[in-house]
C-alpha atoms as a PDB file:
ATOM      1  CA  MET A   1       0.000   0.000   0.000  1.00  0.00           C
ATOM      2  CA  SER A   2       1.457   3.365  -1.012  1.00  0.00           C
ATOM      3  CA  ASP A   3       1.566   6.390   1.295  1.00  0.00           C
ATOM      4  CA  SER A   4      -1.288   8.096  -0.542  1.00  0.00           C
ATOM      5  CA  GLU A   5      -3.446   4.953  -0.332  1.00  0.00           C
ATOM      6  CA  PHE A   6      -2.652   4.652   3.378  1.00  0.00           C
ATOM      7  CA  ASN A   7      -3.529   8.315   4.002  1.00  0.00           C
ATOM      8  CA  ALA A   8      -6.777   7.978   2.037  1.00  0.00           C
ATOM      9  CA  GLN A   9      -7.719   4.914   4.106  1.00  0.00           C
ATOM     10  CA  GLN A  10      -6.922   6.751   7.345  1.00  0.00           C
ATOM     11  CA  GLN A  11      -9.135   9.643   6.249  1.00  0.00           C
ATOM     12  CA  ARG A  12     -12.007   7.281   5.324  1.00  0.00           C
ATOM     13  CA  ASP A  13     -11.703   5.540   8.694  1.00  0.00           C
ATOM     14  CA  SER A  14     -11.722   8.887  10.492  1.00  0.00           C
ATOM     15  CA  ILE A  15     -14.862   9.988   8.642  1.00  0.00           C
ATOM     16  CA  LYS A  16     -16.582   6.688   9.489  1.00  0.00           C
ATOM     17  CA  ARG A  17     -15.798   7.209  13.181  1.00  0.00           C
ATOM     18  CA  LYS A  18     -17.464  10.635  12.955  1.00  0.00           C
ATOM     19  CA  GLY A  19     -20.687   9.187  11.603  1.00  0.00           C
ATOM     20  CA  GLY A  20     -19.981   9.549   7.894  1.00  0.00           C
ATOM     21  CA  LYS A  21     -19.343  13.285   7.622  1.00  0.00           C
ATOM     22  CA  PHE A  22     -17.281  16.030   9.143  1.00  0.00           C
ATOM     23  CA  ARG A  23     -19.169  17.581  12.005  1.00  0.00           C
ATOM     24  CA  ILE A  24     -18.971  20.821  13.893  1.00  0.00           C
ATOM     25  CA  PRO A  25     -19.401  20.012  17.581  1.00  0.00           C
ATOM     26  CA  GLU A  26     -22.960  20.728  18.652  1.00  0.00           C
ATOM     27  CA  ARG A  27     -21.888  23.098  21.431  1.00  0.00           C
ATOM     28  CA  SER A  28     -20.162  25.496  19.001  1.00  0.00           C
ATOM     29  CA  ARG A  29     -23.196  25.877  16.722  1.00  0.00           C
ATOM     30  CA  PRO A  30     -26.014  28.165  17.905  1.00  0.00           C
ATOM     31  CA  GLU A  31     -29.357  26.510  18.468  1.00  0.00           C
ATOM     32  CA  GLY A  32     -31.590  26.605  15.405  1.00  0.00           C
ATOM     33  CA  VAL A  33     -28.718  27.068  12.927  1.00  0.00           C
ATOM     34  CA  SER A  34     -28.164  24.231  10.458  1.00  0.00           C
ATOM     35  CA  TYR A  35     -24.805  22.534  10.018  1.00  0.00           C
ATOM     36  CA  GLN A  36     -24.347  23.920   6.467  1.00  0.00           C
ATOM     37  CA  ALA A  37     -25.378  27.456   7.433  1.00  0.00           C
ATOM     38  CA  HIS A  38     -22.894  27.469  10.321  1.00  0.00           C
ATOM     39  CA  LYS A  39     -20.089  25.860   8.307  1.00  0.00           C
ATOM     40  CA  ASN A  40     -20.433  28.386   5.466  1.00  0.00           C
ATOM     41  CA  ARG A  41     -21.075  31.496   7.565  1.00  0.00           C
ATOM     42  CA  TYR A  42     -17.948  33.259   6.280  1.00  0.00           C
ATOM     43  CA  LEU A  43     -17.766  31.700   2.823  1.00  0.00           C
ATOM     44  CA  VAL A  44     -17.077  34.222   0.064  1.00  0.00           C
ATOM     45  CA  SER A  45     -17.356  33.565  -3.645  1.00  0.00           C
ATOM     46  CA  ALA A  46     -17.167  35.832  -6.655  1.00  0.00           C
ATOM     47  CA  LYS A  47     -17.214  35.645 -10.416  1.00  0.00           C
ATOM     48  CA  LEU A  48     -14.307  37.733 -11.672  1.00  0.00           C
ATOM     49  CA  THR A  49     -13.607  39.034 -15.136  1.00  0.00           C
ATOM     50  CA  GLN A  50     -10.644  37.401 -16.833  1.00  0.00           C
ATOM     51  CA  THR A  51      -8.566  40.560 -16.394  1.00  0.00           C
ATOM     52  CA  ASN A  52      -9.345  40.852 -12.674  1.00  0.00           C
ATOM     53  CA  TRP A  53      -8.636  37.143 -12.178  1.00  0.00           C
ATOM     54  CA  GLU A  54      -5.228  37.448 -13.850  1.00  0.00           C
ATOM     55  CA  VAL A  55      -4.336  40.537 -11.807  1.00  0.00           C
ATOM     56  CA  LEU A  56      -5.443  38.881  -8.549  1.00  0.00           C
ATOM     57  CA  ARG A  57      -3.601  35.656  -9.327  1.00  0.00           C
ATOM     58  CA  ALA A  58      -0.386  37.509 -10.245  1.00  0.00           C
ATOM     59  CA  TRP A  59      -0.577  39.580  -7.040  1.00  0.00           C
ATOM     60  CA  LEU A  60      -1.142  36.468  -4.903  1.00  0.00           C
ATOM     61  CA  VAL A  61       1.801  34.649  -6.483  1.00  0.00           C
ATOM     62  CA  SER A  62       4.153  37.643  -6.269  1.00  0.00           C
ATOM     63  CA  ASN A  63       3.309  38.060  -2.564  1.00  0.00           C
ATOM     64  CA  ASN A  64       3.381  34.323  -1.832  1.00  0.00           C
ATOM     65  CA  LEU A  65      -0.223  34.344  -0.577  1.00  0.00           C
ATOM     66  CA  ASN A  66      -3.043  31.838  -0.814  1.00  0.00           C
ATOM     67  CA  TYR A  67      -6.574  32.952  -1.713  1.00  0.00           C
ATOM     68  CA  ASN A  68      -7.782  33.238   1.892  1.00  0.00           C
ATOM     69  CA  THR A  69      -4.821  35.232   3.167  1.00  0.00           C
ATOM     70  CA  GLY A  70      -4.727  37.427   0.065  1.00  0.00           C
ATOM     71  CA  LEU A  71      -8.414  38.338   0.189  1.00  0.00           C
ATOM     72  CA  ASN A  72      -8.236  38.979   3.925  1.00  0.00           C
ATOM     73  CA  ARG A  73      -5.240  41.284   3.378  1.00  0.00           C
ATOM     74  CA  LEU A  74      -6.987  43.167   0.559  1.00  0.00           C
ATOM     75  CA  ILE A  75     -10.118  43.686   2.655  1.00  0.00           C
ATOM     76  CA  ALA A  76      -8.172  44.674   5.785  1.00  0.00           C
ATOM     77  CA  THR A  77      -6.099  47.286   3.943  1.00  0.00           C
ATOM     78  CA  HIS A  78      -8.665  48.712   1.530  1.00  0.00           C
ATOM     79  CA  PRO A  79      -9.119  52.451   2.338  1.00  0.00           C
ATOM     80  CA  GLU A  80     -12.892  52.459   1.828  1.00  0.00           C
ATOM     81  CA  LEU A  81     -13.350  49.396   4.046  1.00  0.00           C
ATOM     82  CA  GLU A  82     -11.013  50.513   6.839  1.00  0.00           C
ATOM     83  CA  GLN A  83     -13.485  53.182   7.945  1.00  0.00           C
ATOM     84  CA  HIS A  84     -16.131  50.468   8.556  1.00  0.00           C
ATOM     85  CA  GLY A  85     -13.877  48.231  10.675  1.00  0.00           C
END
């Protein structure tokens, strides 16, 4: 069994022990809020133009950032958004 096969089996076994899916512990989720709603509460998605995508991707690579860190940095340092923080 290769390392990747072993790791995949370990992950499957871990998911089985958790009842078949990844779960957020009940105590951390407010009452009346579904699992999906709580899991995705800070999820951001956008459809970018090709030009904006290329500019964003180049900026992320040149600054050695992943999407999450890069978007958080852009939002935290944007002059129009700083006044609302």
